PDB file of N, CA and C in Angstrom:
ATOM      1  N   MET A   1      15.720  -7.240 -21.361  1.00  0.00           N
ATOM      2  CA  MET A   1      14.161  -6.946 -21.302  1.00  0.00           C
ATOM      3  C   MET A   1      14.283  -5.981 -20.232  1.00  0.00           C
ATOM      4  N   SER A   2      13.482  -4.599 -20.381  1.00  0.00           N
ATOM      5  CA  SER A   2      13.554  -3.440 -19.519  1.00  0.00           C
ATOM      6  C   SER A   2      12.770  -4.017 -18.634  1.00  0.00           C
ATOM      7  N   THR A   3      13.037  -3.322 -17.219  1.00  0.00           N
ATOM      8  CA  THR A   3      11.909  -3.433 -16.257  1.00  0.00           C
ATOM      9  C   THR A   3      11.563  -2.296 -15.513  1.00  0.00           C
ATOM     10  N   TYR A   4      10.267  -2.059 -14.982  1.00  0.00           N
ATOM     11  CA  TYR A   4      10.285  -0.830 -14.004  1.00  0.00           C
ATOM     12  C   TYR A   4      11.122  -0.987 -12.795  1.00  0.00           C
ATOM     13  N   LYS A   5      10.911   0.376 -11.943  1.00  0.00           N
ATOM     14  CA  LYS A   5      11.242   0.398 -10.769  1.00  0.00           C
ATOM     15  C   LYS A   5      10.451   0.995  -9.919  1.00  0.00           C
ATOM     16  N   LEU A   6      10.547   0.598  -8.517  1.00  0.00           N
ATOM     17  CA  LEU A   6       9.447   1.168  -7.549  1.00  0.00           C
ATOM     18  C   LEU A   6      10.258   2.422  -7.299  1.00  0.00           C
ATOM     19  N   ILE A   7       9.225   3.417  -6.880  1.00  0.00           N
ATOM     20  CA  ILE A   7       9.523   4.677  -6.445  1.00  0.00           C
ATOM     21  C   ILE A   7       8.529   5.275  -5.724  1.00  0.00           C
ATOM     22  N   GLU A   8       8.912   5.990  -4.631  1.00  0.00           N
ATOM     23  CA  GLU A   8       8.200   6.488  -3.198  1.00  0.00           C
ATOM     24  C   GLU A   8       7.449   7.854  -3.846  1.00  0.00           C
ATOM     25  N   ILE A   9       6.410   8.463  -3.400  1.00  0.00           N
ATOM     26  CA  ILE A   9       5.459   9.315  -3.803  1.00  0.00           C
ATOM     27  C   ILE A   9       6.462  10.763  -3.576  1.00  0.00           C
ATOM     28  N   ALA A  10       7.127  11.153  -2.647  1.00  0.00           N
ATOM     29  CA  ALA A  10       7.711  12.371  -2.224  1.00  0.00           C
ATOM     30  C   ALA A  10       8.689  12.393  -3.518  1.00  0.00           C
ATOM     31  N   GLU A  11       9.565  11.416  -4.025  1.00  0.00           N
ATOM     32  CA  GLU A  11      10.437  11.409  -5.006  1.00  0.00           C
ATOM     33  C   GLU A  11       9.635  11.433  -6.443  1.00  0.00           C
ATOM     34  N   THR A  12       8.558  11.004  -6.348  1.00  0.00           N
ATOM     35  CA  THR A  12       7.831  10.952  -7.734  1.00  0.00           C
ATOM     36  C   THR A  12       7.523  12.597  -7.941  1.00  0.00           C
ATOM     37  N   LYS A  13       6.784  13.227  -6.819  1.00  0.00           N
ATOM     38  CA  LYS A  13       6.377  14.575  -7.174  1.00  0.00           C
ATOM     39  C   LYS A  13       7.533  15.221  -7.290  1.00  0.00           C
ATOM     40  N   GLN A  14       8.670  15.392  -6.790  1.00  0.00           N
ATOM     41  CA  GLN A  14      10.058  16.071  -6.990  1.00  0.00           C
ATOM     42  C   GLN A  14      10.228  15.762  -8.223  1.00  0.00           C
ATOM     43  N   ARG A  15      10.182  14.584  -8.790  1.00  0.00           N
ATOM     44  CA  ARG A  15      10.935  14.543 -10.293  1.00  0.00           C
ATOM     45  C   ARG A  15       9.675  15.090 -11.141  1.00  0.00           C
ATOM     46  N   LEU A  16       8.614  14.946 -10.877  1.00  0.00           N
ATOM     47  CA  LEU A  16       7.680  15.454 -11.683  1.00  0.00           C
ATOM     48  C   LEU A  16       7.527  17.001 -12.065  1.00  0.00           C
ATOM     49  N   GLU A  17       7.958  17.884 -10.586  1.00  0.00           N
ATOM     50  CA  GLU A  17       8.012  19.139 -10.898  1.00  0.00           C
ATOM     51  C   GLU A  17       9.226  19.422 -11.302  1.00  0.00           C
ATOM     52  N   ASN A  18      10.338  18.823 -11.709  1.00  0.00           N
ATOM     53  CA  ASN A  18      11.881  19.053 -12.017  1.00  0.00           C
ATOM     54  C   ASN A  18      12.355  18.580 -13.171  1.00  0.00           C
ATOM     55  N   GLU A  19      11.472  17.661 -14.116  1.00  0.00           N
ATOM     56  CA  GLU A  19      11.954  16.972 -15.042  1.00  0.00           C
ATOM     57  C   GLU A  19      10.678  16.972 -15.999  1.00  0.00           C
ATOM     58  N   GLN A  20      11.008  16.574 -17.218  1.00  0.00           N
ATOM     59  CA  GLN A  20      10.052  16.444 -18.625  1.00  0.00           C
ATOM     60  C   GLN A  20       9.587  14.845 -18.048  1.00  0.00           C
ATOM     61  N   ALA A  21       8.705  14.752 -17.484  1.00  0.00           N
ATOM     62  CA  ALA A  21       7.988  13.198 -17.051  1.00  0.00           C
ATOM     63  C   ALA A  21       6.525  13.128 -17.332  1.00  0.00           C
ATOM     64  N   ILE A  22       6.057  12.286 -16.847  1.00  0.00           N
ATOM     65  CA  ILE A  22       4.856  11.855 -16.949  1.00  0.00           C
ATOM     66  C   ILE A  22       4.171  11.199 -15.843  1.00  0.00           C
ATOM     67  N   LEU A  23       3.015  11.757 -15.229  1.00  0.00           N
ATOM     68  CA  LEU A  23       2.283  10.706 -14.363  1.00  0.00           C
ATOM     69  C   LEU A  23       0.981  10.134 -14.888  1.00  0.00           C
ATOM     70  N   VAL A  24       1.236   8.858 -15.141  1.00  0.00           N
ATOM     71  CA  VAL A  24      -0.073   8.063 -15.415  1.00  0.00           C
ATOM     72  C   VAL A  24      -0.892   7.513 -14.363  1.00  0.00           C
ATOM     73  N   ASP A  25      -1.857   7.678 -14.489  1.00  0.00           N
ATOM     74  CA  ASP A  25      -3.097   7.442 -13.272  1.00  0.00           C
ATOM     75  C   ASP A  25      -4.027   6.054 -14.272  1.00  0.00           C
ATOM     76  N   THR A  26      -4.055   4.966 -13.487  1.00  0.00           N
ATOM     77  CA  THR A  26      -4.598   4.011 -14.038  1.00  0.00           C
ATOM     78  C   THR A  26      -6.078   3.523 -13.370  1.00  0.00           C
ATOM     79  N   ARG A  27      -6.428   4.452 -12.574  1.00  0.00           N
ATOM     80  CA  ARG A  27      -7.789   4.089 -12.127  1.00  0.00           C
ATOM     81  C   ARG A  27      -8.770   4.294 -13.078  1.00  0.00           C
ATOM     82  N   ASP A  28      -9.858   3.564 -12.630  1.00  0.00           N
ATOM     83  CA  ASP A  28     -10.947   3.816 -13.713  1.00  0.00           C
ATOM     84  C   ASP A  28     -11.344   5.345 -13.697  1.00  0.00           C
ATOM     85  N   ALA A  29     -11.985   5.541 -14.916  1.00  0.00           N
ATOM     86  CA  ALA A  29     -12.514   7.100 -15.257  1.00  0.00           C
ATOM     87  C   ALA A  29     -13.059   7.834 -14.348  1.00  0.00           C
ATOM     88  N   GLN A  30     -14.015   7.082 -13.346  1.00  0.00           N
ATOM     89  CA  GLN A  30     -15.097   7.649 -12.651  1.00  0.00           C
ATOM     90  C   GLN A  30     -14.113   8.175 -11.388  1.00  0.00           C
ATOM     91  N   SER A  31     -13.109   7.162 -10.838  1.00  0.00           N
ATOM     92  CA  SER A  31     -12.162   7.567  -9.663  1.00  0.00           C
ATOM     93  C   SER A  31     -11.183   8.723 -10.106  1.00  0.00           C
ATOM     94  N   TYR A  32     -10.914   8.654 -11.164  1.00  0.00           N
ATOM     95  CA  TYR A  32      -9.919   9.719 -11.945  1.00  0.00           C
ATOM     96  C   TYR A  32     -10.729  11.132 -11.959  1.00  0.00           C
ATOM     97  N   ALA A  33     -11.865  11.266 -12.312  1.00  0.00           N
ATOM     98  CA  ALA A  33     -12.814  12.232 -12.553  1.00  0.00           C
ATOM     99  C   ALA A  33     -13.088  12.809 -11.048  1.00  0.00           C
ATOM    100  N   ALA A  34     -12.873  12.084 -10.156  1.00  0.00           N
ATOM    101  CA  ALA A  34     -13.463  12.676  -8.766  1.00  0.00           C
ATOM    102  C   ALA A  34     -12.209  13.283  -8.128  1.00  0.00           C
ATOM    103  N   ASP A  35     -10.888  12.819  -8.419  1.00  0.00           N
ATOM    104  CA  ASP A  35      -9.821  13.410  -7.958  1.00  0.00           C
ATOM    105  C   ASP A  35      -8.408  12.592  -8.374  1.00  0.00           C
ATOM    106  N   HIS A  36      -7.360  13.274  -8.705  1.00  0.00           N
ATOM    107  CA  HIS A  36      -6.505  12.896  -9.550  1.00  0.00           C
ATOM    108  C   HIS A  36      -5.362  14.105  -9.144  1.00  0.00           C
ATOM    109  N   ALA A  37      -4.012  13.454  -9.331  1.00  0.00           N
ATOM    110  CA  ALA A  37      -3.027  14.793  -9.120  1.00  0.00           C
ATOM    111  C   ALA A  37      -2.825  15.433 -10.325  1.00  0.00           C
ATOM    112  N   GLU A  38      -2.310  16.728 -10.374  1.00  0.00           N
ATOM    113  CA  GLU A  38      -2.494  17.610 -11.110  1.00  0.00           C
ATOM    114  C   GLU A  38      -1.582  17.108 -12.309  1.00  0.00           C
ATOM    115  N   GLY A  39      -2.068  17.065 -13.753  1.00  0.00           N
ATOM    116  CA  GLY A  39      -1.148  16.716 -14.712  1.00  0.00           C
ATOM    117  C   GLY A  39      -1.167  15.404 -15.134  1.00  0.00           C
ATOM    118  N   ALA A  40      -1.989  14.734 -14.401  1.00  0.00           N
ATOM    119  CA  ALA A  40      -2.036  13.065 -14.490  1.00  0.00           C
ATOM    120  C   ALA A  40      -2.751  12.589 -15.685  1.00  0.00           C
ATOM    121  N   PHE A  41      -2.105  11.709 -16.356  1.00  0.00           N
ATOM    122  CA  PHE A  41      -2.598  11.082 -17.810  1.00  0.00           C
ATOM    123  C   PHE A  41      -3.315   9.809 -17.486  1.00  0.00           C
ATOM    124  N   ASN A  42      -4.830  10.162 -17.440  1.00  0.00           N
ATOM    125  CA  ASN A  42      -5.773   8.594 -17.225  1.00  0.00           C
ATOM    126  C   ASN A  42      -5.643   7.558 -18.400  1.00  0.00           C
ATOM    127  N   LEU A  43      -4.828   6.654 -18.050  1.00  0.00           N
ATOM    128  CA  LEU A  43      -4.147   5.849 -18.761  1.00  0.00           C
ATOM    129  C   LEU A  43      -5.310   4.402 -18.937  1.00  0.00           C
ATOM    130  N   ASN A  44      -5.955   4.000 -19.917  1.00  0.00           N
ATOM    131  CA  ASN A  44      -6.871   2.935 -19.783  1.00  0.00           C
ATOM    132  C   ASN A  44      -7.056   2.343 -21.386  1.00  0.00           C
ATOM    133  N   ASN A  45      -7.702   1.365 -21.783  1.00  0.00           N
ATOM    134  CA  ASN A  45      -7.489   0.911 -23.218  1.00  0.00           C
ATOM    135  C   ASN A  45      -8.037   1.878 -24.048  1.00  0.00           C
ATOM    136  N   GLU A  46      -8.987   2.750 -23.721  1.00  0.00           N
ATOM    137  CA  GLU A  46      -9.348   3.882 -24.795  1.00  0.00           C
ATOM    138  C   GLU A  46      -8.463   4.854 -25.083  1.00  0.00           C
ATOM    139  N   THR A  47      -7.472   5.082 -23.787  1.00  0.00           N
ATOM    140  CA  THR A  47      -6.271   6.178 -24.078  1.00  0.00           C
ATOM    141  C   THR A  47      -5.150   5.872 -24.361  1.00  0.00           C
ATOM    142  N   LEU A  48      -5.072   4.470 -24.502  1.00  0.00           N
ATOM    143  CA  LEU A  48      -3.551   3.893 -24.767  1.00  0.00           C
ATOM    144  C   LEU A  48      -3.045   4.352 -26.113  1.00  0.00           C
ATOM    145  N   LYS A  49      -3.715   4.460 -27.085  1.00  0.00           N
ATOM    146  CA  LYS A  49      -2.975   4.970 -28.247  1.00  0.00           C
ATOM    147  C   LYS A  49      -2.840   6.600 -28.250  1.00  0.00           C
ATOM    148  N   GLU A  50      -3.467   7.169 -27.378  1.00  0.00           N
ATOM    149  CA  GLU A  50      -3.299   8.473 -27.253  1.00  0.00           C
ATOM    150  C   GLU A  50      -1.721   8.481 -26.602  1.00  0.00           C
ATOM    151  N   PHE A  51      -1.581   7.715 -25.571  1.00  0.00           N
ATOM    152  CA  PHE A  51      -0.732   7.940 -24.827  1.00  0.00           C
ATOM    153  C   PHE A  51       0.639   7.624 -25.824  1.00  0.00           C
ATOM    154  N   PHE A  52       0.629   6.388 -26.509  1.00  0.00           N
ATOM    155  CA  PHE A  52       1.669   6.158 -27.458  1.00  0.00           C
ATOM    156  C   PHE A  52       1.909   6.978 -28.296  1.00  0.00           C
ATOM    157  N   GLU A  53       0.879   7.956 -28.746  1.00  0.00           N
ATOM    158  CA  GLU A  53       1.324   9.008 -29.416  1.00  0.00           C
ATOM    159  C   GLU A  53       1.948  10.177 -29.267  1.00  0.00           C
ATOM    160  N   LYS A  54       1.456  10.530 -27.757  1.00  0.00           N
ATOM    161  CA  LYS A  54       1.967  11.542 -26.885  1.00  0.00           C
ATOM    162  C   LYS A  54       3.356  11.740 -26.400  1.00  0.00           C
ATOM    163  N   VAL A  55       3.401  10.369 -25.750  1.00  0.00           N
ATOM    164  CA  VAL A  55       4.539  10.318 -25.079  1.00  0.00           C
ATOM    165  C   VAL A  55       5.980   9.481 -25.373  1.00  0.00           C
ATOM    166  N   GLN A  56       6.917  10.386 -25.530  1.00  0.00           N
ATOM    167  CA  GLN A  56       8.097   9.344 -26.368  1.00  0.00           C
ATOM    168  C   GLN A  56       8.381   8.704 -25.517  1.00  0.00           C
ATOM    169  N   PHE A  57       9.167   7.550 -26.024  1.00  0.00           N
ATOM    170  CA  PHE A  57       9.919   6.351 -25.056  1.00  0.00           C
ATOM    171  C   PHE A  57      10.954   6.835 -24.131  1.00  0.00           C
ATOM    172  N   ASN A  58      11.758   8.178 -24.244  1.00  0.00           N
ATOM    173  CA  ASN A  58      12.840   8.428 -23.428  1.00  0.00           C
ATOM    174  C   ASN A  58      12.073   9.110 -22.437  1.00  0.00           C
ATOM    175  N   THR A  59      10.848   9.613 -22.112  1.00  0.00           N
ATOM    176  CA  THR A  59      10.143  10.091 -20.784  1.00  0.00           C
ATOM    177  C   THR A  59      10.022   9.340 -19.925  1.00  0.00           C
ATOM    178  N   PRO A  60      10.630   9.894 -18.831  1.00  0.00           N
ATOM    179  CA  PRO A  60      10.110   9.104 -17.673  1.00  0.00           C
ATOM    180  C   PRO A  60       8.623   8.882 -17.025  1.00  0.00           C
ATOM    181  N   VAL A  61       8.377   7.749 -17.012  1.00  0.00           N
ATOM    182  CA  VAL A  61       6.637   7.494 -16.961  1.00  0.00           C
ATOM    183  C   VAL A  61       6.777   7.046 -15.387  1.00  0.00           C
ATOM    184  N   PHE A  62       5.659   7.546 -14.575  1.00  0.00           N
ATOM    185  CA  PHE A  62       5.673   7.394 -13.187  1.00  0.00           C
ATOM    186  C   PHE A  62       4.189   6.929 -13.156  1.00  0.00           C
ATOM    187  N   VAL A  63       3.784   5.606 -12.633  1.00  0.00           N
ATOM    188  CA  VAL A  63       2.499   4.871 -13.016  1.00  0.00           C
ATOM    189  C   VAL A  63       1.841   4.788 -11.503  1.00  0.00           C
ATOM    190  N   VAL A  64       0.626   5.309 -11.179  1.00  0.00           N
ATOM    191  CA  VAL A  64      -0.206   5.100  -9.945  1.00  0.00           C
ATOM    192  C   VAL A  64      -1.335   4.459 -10.308  1.00  0.00           C
ATOM    193  N   CYS A  65      -1.928   4.001  -9.159  1.00  0.00           N
ATOM    194  CA  CYS A  65      -3.322   3.242  -9.372  1.00  0.00           C
ATOM    195  C   CYS A  65      -3.786   3.440  -8.069  1.00  0.00           C
ATOM    196  N   TYR A  66      -4.539   2.554  -7.387  1.00  0.00           N
ATOM    197  CA  TYR A  66      -5.345   2.788  -6.199  1.00  0.00           C
ATOM    198  C   TYR A  66      -4.598   2.615  -4.807  1.00  0.00           C
ATOM    199  N   HIS A  67      -3.534   1.589  -4.747  1.00  0.00           N
ATOM    200  CA  HIS A  67      -2.757   1.642  -3.640  1.00  0.00           C
ATOM    201  C   HIS A  67      -1.324   0.987  -3.850  1.00  0.00           C
ATOM    202  N   GLY A  68      -0.807   0.945  -5.397  1.00  0.00           N
ATOM    203  CA  GLY A  68       0.246   0.753  -5.734  1.00  0.00           C
ATOM    204  C   GLY A  68       0.329  -0.593  -6.243  1.00  0.00           C
ATOM    205  N   ASN A  69      -0.557  -1.548  -6.460  1.00  0.00           N
ATOM    206  CA  ASN A  69      -0.265  -2.960  -6.823  1.00  0.00           C
ATOM    207  C   ASN A  69      -0.576  -3.166  -8.169  1.00  0.00           C
ATOM    208  N   SER A  70      -1.552  -2.622  -8.872  1.00  0.00           N
ATOM    209  CA  SER A  70      -1.780  -2.905 -10.151  1.00  0.00           C
ATOM    210  C   SER A  70      -0.752  -2.033 -11.045  1.00  0.00           C
ATOM    211  N   SER A  71      -0.389  -0.727 -10.429  1.00  0.00           N
ATOM    212  CA  SER A  71       0.519  -0.129 -11.537  1.00  0.00           C
ATOM    213  C   SER A  71       1.850  -0.960 -11.745  1.00  0.00           C
ATOM    214  N   LYS A  72       2.511  -2.016 -10.984  1.00  0.00           N
ATOM    215  CA  LYS A  72       3.480  -2.753 -11.403  1.00  0.00           C
ATOM    216  C   LYS A  72       3.096  -3.315 -12.773  1.00  0.00           C
ATOM    217  N   GLY A  73       2.114  -3.789 -12.678  1.00  0.00           N
ATOM    218  CA  GLY A  73       1.906  -4.676 -14.245  1.00  0.00           C
ATOM    219  C   GLY A  73       2.014  -3.855 -15.237  1.00  0.00           C
ATOM    220  N   VAL A  74       1.261  -2.305 -14.845  1.00  0.00           N
ATOM    221  CA  VAL A  74       1.143  -1.341 -16.156  1.00  0.00           C
ATOM    222  C   VAL A  74       2.576  -1.103 -16.545  1.00  0.00           C
ATOM    223  N   ALA A  75       3.284  -0.641 -15.387  1.00  0.00           N
ATOM    224  CA  ALA A  75       4.544   0.061 -15.538  1.00  0.00           C
ATOM    225  C   ALA A  75       5.482  -1.201 -16.297  1.00  0.00           C
ATOM    226  N   GLN A  76       5.676  -2.477 -16.224  1.00  0.00           N
ATOM    227  CA  GLN A  76       6.029  -3.146 -16.646  1.00  0.00           C
ATOM    228  C   GLN A  76       5.723  -3.352 -18.221  1.00  0.00           C
ATOM    229  N   TYR A  77       4.474  -3.411 -18.409  1.00  0.00           N
ATOM    230  CA  TYR A  77       3.938  -3.326 -19.849  1.00  0.00           C
ATOM    231  C   TYR A  77       4.381  -2.151 -20.507  1.00  0.00           C
ATOM    232  N   LEU A  78       4.672  -1.006 -19.863  1.00  0.00           N
ATOM    233  CA  LEU A  78       5.210   0.045 -20.781  1.00  0.00           C
ATOM    234  C   LEU A  78       6.543  -0.179 -21.005  1.00  0.00           C
ATOM    235  N   ALA A  79       7.261  -0.492 -20.190  1.00  0.00           N
ATOM    236  CA  ALA A  79       8.862  -1.097 -20.320  1.00  0.00           C
ATOM    237  C   ALA A  79       8.826  -2.107 -21.357  1.00  0.00           C
ATOM    238  N   ASP A  80       7.922  -2.851 -21.291  1.00  0.00           N
ATOM    239  CA  ASP A  80       7.977  -3.829 -22.279  1.00  0.00           C
ATOM    240  C   ASP A  80       7.840  -3.292 -23.739  1.00  0.00           C
ATOM    241  N   GLN A  81       7.124  -2.338 -23.932  1.00  0.00           N
ATOM    242  CA  GLN A  81       6.810  -1.155 -25.067  1.00  0.00           C
ATOM    243  C   GLN A  81       7.870  -0.524 -25.707  1.00  0.00           C
ATOM    244  N   GLY A  82       8.906  -0.440 -24.730  1.00  0.00           N
ATOM    245  CA  GLY A  82       9.946   0.263 -25.181  1.00  0.00           C
ATOM    246  C   GLY A  82      10.118   1.712 -24.523  1.00  0.00           C
ATOM    247  N   TYR A  83       9.586   2.106 -22.994  1.00  0.00           N
ATOM    248  CA  TYR A  83       9.932   2.822 -22.317  1.00  0.00           C
ATOM    249  C   TYR A  83      10.448   2.729 -21.318  1.00  0.00           C
ATOM    250  N   LYS A  84      11.958   3.305 -21.506  1.00  0.00           N
ATOM    251  CA  LYS A  84      13.061   3.128 -21.040  1.00  0.00           C
ATOM    252  C   LYS A  84      13.128   3.467 -19.249  1.00  0.00           C
ATOM    253  N   ASP A  85      12.248   4.226 -18.890  1.00  0.00           N
ATOM    254  CA  ASP A  85      12.547   4.801 -17.634  1.00  0.00           C
ATOM    255  C   ASP A  85      10.920   4.633 -16.759  1.00  0.00           C
ATOM    256  N   THR A  86      10.616   3.667 -16.567  1.00  0.00           N
ATOM    257  CA  THR A  86       9.121   3.414 -15.888  1.00  0.00           C
ATOM    258  C   THR A  86       9.329   2.832 -14.588  1.00  0.00           C
ATOM    259  N   TYR A  87       8.084   3.499 -13.506  1.00  0.00           N
ATOM    260  CA  TYR A  87       8.204   3.493 -12.322  1.00  0.00           C
ATOM    261  C   TYR A  87       6.851   2.925 -12.118  1.00  0.00           C
ATOM    262  N   SER A  88       6.618   2.405 -10.751  1.00  0.00           N
ATOM    263  CA  SER A  88       5.777   2.202 -10.059  1.00  0.00           C
ATOM    264  C   SER A  88       5.455   2.998  -8.787  1.00  0.00           C
ATOM    265  N   VAL A  89       4.091   3.663  -8.789  1.00  0.00           N
ATOM    266  CA  VAL A  89       4.521   4.428  -7.548  1.00  0.00           C
ATOM    267  C   VAL A  89       3.975   3.739  -6.331  1.00  0.00           C
ATOM    268  N   GLU A  90       4.757   3.664  -4.962  1.00  0.00           N
ATOM    269  CA  GLU A  90       4.253   2.964  -4.114  1.00  0.00           C
ATOM    270  C   GLU A  90       3.176   3.784  -3.148  1.00  0.00           C
ATOM    271  N   GLY A  91       2.466   2.897  -2.875  1.00  0.00           N
ATOM    272  CA  GLY A  91       1.295   3.302  -1.727  1.00  0.00           C
ATOM    273  C   GLY A  91       0.000   3.909  -3.041  1.00  0.00           C
ATOM    274  N   GLY A  92       0.076   3.966  -4.074  1.00  0.00           N
ATOM    275  CA  GLY A  92      -0.857   4.576  -4.947  1.00  0.00           C
ATOM    276  C   GLY A  92      -1.415   6.018  -4.528  1.00  0.00           C
ATOM    277  N   MET A  93      -2.716   6.337  -5.176  1.00  0.00           N
ATOM    278  CA  MET A  93      -3.336   7.325  -4.770  1.00  0.00           C
ATOM    279  C   MET A  93      -3.820   7.433  -3.358  1.00  0.00           C
ATOM    280  N   ALA A  94      -4.218   6.271  -2.877  1.00  0.00           N
ATOM    281  CA  ALA A  94      -4.599   6.356  -1.696  1.00  0.00           C
ATOM    282  C   ALA A  94      -3.602   6.907  -0.510  1.00  0.00           C
ATOM    283  N   MET A  95      -2.270   6.669  -0.866  1.00  0.00           N
ATOM    284  CA  MET A  95      -1.220   7.194   0.044  1.00  0.00           C
ATOM    285  C   MET A  95      -1.049   8.731  -0.632  1.00  0.00           C
ATOM    286  N   TRP A  96      -0.960   9.141  -1.571  1.00  0.00           N
ATOM    287  CA  TRP A  96      -0.821  10.143  -2.334  1.00  0.00           C
ATOM    288  C   TRP A  96      -1.616  11.324  -1.732  1.00  0.00           C
ATOM    289  N   ARG A  97      -3.038  10.673  -1.277  1.00  0.00           N
ATOM    290  CA  ARG A  97      -4.096  11.820  -0.883  1.00  0.00           C
ATOM    291  C   ARG A  97      -3.655  12.199   0.541  1.00  0.00           C
ATOM    292  N   GLU A  98      -2.727  11.066   1.387  1.00  0.00           N
ATOM    293  CA  GLU A  98      -2.653  11.498   2.568  1.00  0.00           C
ATOM    294  C   GLU A  98      -1.174  12.440   2.756  1.00  0.00           C
ATOM    295  N   LEU A  99      -0.561  12.274   1.698  1.00  0.00           N
ATOM    296  CA  LEU A  99       0.668  13.244   2.015  1.00  0.00           C
ATOM    297  C   LEU A  99       0.525  14.627   1.583  1.00  0.00           C
ATOM    298  N   TYR A 100      -0.428  14.472   0.200  1.00  0.00           N
ATOM    299  CA  TYR A 100      -0.745  15.853  -0.414  1.00  0.00           C
ATOM    300  C   TYR A 100      -2.142  15.823  -0.771  1.00  0.00           C
ATOM    301  N   PRO A 101      -3.084  16.205   0.256  1.00  0.00           N
ATOM    302  CA  PRO A 101      -4.257  16.352  -0.095  1.00  0.00           C
ATOM    303  C   PRO A 101      -4.862  17.029  -1.327  1.00  0.00           C
ATOM    304  N   MET A 102      -5.797  16.493  -2.245  1.00  0.00           N
ATOM    305  CA  MET A 102      -6.162  16.904  -3.134  1.00  0.00           C
ATOM    306  C   MET A 102      -6.935  18.459  -2.933  1.00  0.00           C
ATOM    307  N   THR A 103      -7.159  19.437  -4.063  1.00  0.00           N
ATOM    308  CA  THR A 103      -7.565  20.682  -3.478  1.00  0.00           C
ATOM    309  C   THR A 103      -8.964  20.533  -4.795  1.00  0.00           C
TER     310      THR A 103
END
């Protein structure tokens, strides 16, 4: 059984800039619409099918939520579905905003 790994925001940002990878934002649509990291995919029950159609199983997937807690469950779920390289981003969007203010 595959499992997710924890990753810090700085490493996430660097890997997203240097690899074919995807950032998954699991916050509600209103929070996502208010601000999100550039290129993030808003994953929820309505967009899950689109995600599975769009993202290949060998693509590294970085999951971010509000504070880095619920992203663990989503990262594990994606690993259970067959994604081989899944991560939960520690600190979530609250910390991401502190380190990299949204424009």
